[in-house]
């Protein structure tokens, strides 16, 4: 939340890079969370007849974030773009938002960006 607050007052856009948590990456770390397997995400997906990935992308789009899901599979690319056929309810948004409460401080990031640590606006200095 602090990062989103900083970006909105600093004139920056928040980018949801790898919102599906890099499920097929050879660089995936063993401790990484599988958001695609999260019970809340799967429940919301079933309710709308969509995939868990589509729910995660729609959640970020609804928050006003730029979303960059990665895929090299043509059918998955099409699937990732097809997130406008359903709308998340406020209750679903609240449930999805609550998932982050399961992660210890400072939260969870799929991709480390510590190489930007010397930038004056780097928001995670406490993690360096």
Protein backbone atom coordinates (compact mmCIF):
# COMPACT_ATOMS: atom_id res chain seq x y z
CA UNK A 1 0.00 0.00 0.00
CA UNK A 2 2.87 2.38 0.74
CA UNK A 3 4.27 1.90 -2.75
CA UNK A 4 0.91 2.62 -4.38
CA UNK A 5 0.51 5.70 -2.18
CA UNK A 6 3.98 6.94 -3.14
CA UNK A 7 3.41 6.42 -6.84
CA UNK A 8 0.07 8.25 -6.84
CA UNK A 9 1.54 11.33 -5.17
CA UNK A 10 4.80 11.13 -7.13
CA UNK A 11 3.20 11.06 -10.58
CA UNK A 12 4.26 7.47 -11.26
CA UNK A 13 2.24 4.59 -12.64
CA UNK A 14 2.11 1.32 -10.76
CA UNK A 15 2.97 -1.66 -12.96
CA UNK A 16 1.84 -5.16 -12.11
CA UNK A 17 4.73 -7.01 -13.67
CA UNK A 18 4.29 -10.78 -13.64
CA UNK A 19 0.86 -10.72 -11.92
CA UNK A 20 0.52 -14.49 -12.32
CA UNK A 21 3.64 -15.07 -10.19
CA UNK A 22 5.78 -16.56 -12.96
CA UNK A 23 4.33 -20.10 -12.84
CA UNK A 24 6.44 -21.65 -15.61
CA UNK A 25 9.69 -19.76 -15.19
CA UNK A 26 12.96 -21.63 -14.87
CA UNK A 27 13.93 -18.82 -12.48
CA UNK A 28 11.02 -19.55 -10.13
CA UNK A 29 12.20 -19.82 -6.55
CA UNK A 30 10.91 -22.75 -4.42
CA UNK A 31 9.42 -20.37 -1.84
CA UNK A 32 7.36 -18.48 -4.41
CA UNK A 33 3.62 -18.45 -3.85
CA UNK A 34 1.33 -19.97 -6.49
CA UNK A 35 -1.44 -17.41 -6.81
CA UNK A 36 -2.99 -19.52 -9.57
CA UNK A 37 -3.55 -22.26 -6.97
CA UNK A 38 -4.91 -19.95 -4.26
CA UNK A 39 -8.35 -21.14 -3.10
CA UNK A 40 -9.86 -17.62 -3.13
CA UNK A 41 -8.63 -16.98 -6.66
CA UNK A 42 -9.93 -20.35 -7.85
CA UNK A 43 -13.32 -19.75 -6.20
CA UNK A 44 -13.73 -16.36 -7.92
CA UNK A 45 -12.64 -17.86 -11.25
CA UNK A 46 -15.20 -20.65 -10.97
CA UNK A 47 -17.95 -18.15 -10.13
CA UNK A 48 -17.27 -16.25 -13.36
CA UNK A 49 -16.38 -19.20 -15.60
CA UNK A 50 -12.88 -17.84 -16.23
CA UNK A 51 -9.34 -18.93 -15.36
CA UNK A 52 -7.51 -17.97 -12.16
CA UNK A 53 -5.06 -16.02 -14.32
CA UNK A 54 -7.87 -13.94 -15.75
CA UNK A 55 -9.10 -13.15 -12.24
CA UNK A 56 -5.62 -11.97 -11.18
CA UNK A 57 -5.24 -9.80 -14.28
CA UNK A 58 -8.75 -8.31 -13.93
CA UNK A 59 -8.07 -7.53 -10.26
CA UNK A 60 -5.01 -5.47 -11.22
CA UNK A 61 -6.80 -3.76 -14.13
CA UNK A 62 -9.66 -2.78 -11.81
CA UNK A 63 -7.13 -1.23 -9.43
CA UNK A 64 -5.96 0.99 -12.30
CA UNK A 65 -2.58 -0.68 -12.62
CA UNK A 66 -0.71 -1.34 -15.83
CA UNK A 67 -0.54 -5.11 -16.16
CA UNK A 68 2.24 -7.07 -17.89
CA UNK A 69 1.53 -10.80 -17.85
CA UNK A 70 4.14 -12.87 -19.67
CA UNK A 71 3.38 -15.77 -21.95
CA UNK A 72 4.82 -17.27 -25.11
CA UNK A 73 1.80 -19.49 -25.72
CA UNK A 74 -0.56 -17.89 -28.27
CA UNK A 75 -3.73 -19.27 -26.64
CA UNK A 76 -2.61 -18.02 -23.23
CA UNK A 77 -1.85 -14.56 -24.64
CA UNK A 78 -5.40 -14.39 -26.02
CA UNK A 79 -6.75 -15.63 -22.67
CA UNK A 80 -4.76 -12.99 -20.78
CA UNK A 81 -6.36 -10.26 -22.90
CA UNK A 82 -9.91 -11.58 -22.45
CA UNK A 83 -10.62 -10.03 -19.06
CA UNK A 84 -13.36 -7.57 -19.98
CA UNK A 85 -16.19 -10.13 -20.16
CA UNK A 86 -16.69 -10.23 -16.39
CA UNK A 87 -16.70 -7.84 -13.45
CA UNK A 88 -15.45 -8.55 -9.96
CA UNK A 89 -17.86 -7.72 -7.15
CA UNK A 90 -16.69 -5.58 -4.25
CA UNK A 91 -16.86 -8.64 -2.03
CA UNK A 92 -14.56 -10.54 -4.42
CA UNK A 93 -12.14 -7.60 -4.60
CA UNK A 94 -12.06 -7.52 -0.80
CA UNK A 95 -11.38 -11.28 -0.65
CA UNK A 96 -8.60 -11.02 -3.25
CA UNK A 97 -7.08 -8.04 -1.44
CA UNK A 98 -7.05 -10.02 1.81
CA UNK A 99 -4.74 -12.66 0.29
CA UNK A 100 -1.77 -10.36 0.92
CA UNK A 101 -2.44 -10.50 4.67
CA UNK A 102 -1.07 -14.05 4.57
CA UNK A 103 2.38 -12.77 3.60
CA UNK A 104 4.81 -11.53 6.25
CA UNK A 105 6.09 -7.95 6.08
CA UNK A 106 7.17 -6.40 3.77
CA UNK A 107 4.75 -8.39 1.58
CA UNK A 108 5.36 -10.50 -1.47
CA UNK A 109 7.07 -9.73 -4.73
CA UNK A 110 7.48 -12.19 -7.58
CA UNK A 111 10.37 -10.31 -9.15
CA UNK A 112 13.19 -8.81 -7.15
CA UNK A 113 14.10 -5.28 -8.17
CA UNK A 114 16.98 -4.72 -5.73
CA UNK A 115 19.22 -3.72 -8.64
CA UNK A 116 17.32 -0.40 -8.63
CA UNK A 117 18.15 0.14 -4.95
CA UNK A 118 20.32 3.23 -5.50
CA UNK A 119 17.56 5.14 -7.27
CA UNK A 120 16.33 8.01 -5.07
CA UNK A 121 12.69 6.86 -5.37
CA UNK A 122 13.35 3.16 -4.78
CA UNK A 123 10.44 2.21 -2.49
CA UNK A 124 11.93 -0.85 -0.77
CA UNK A 125 15.06 0.58 0.85
CA UNK A 126 14.27 -1.27 4.08
CA UNK A 127 14.81 -4.56 2.19
CA UNK A 128 18.33 -3.77 0.93
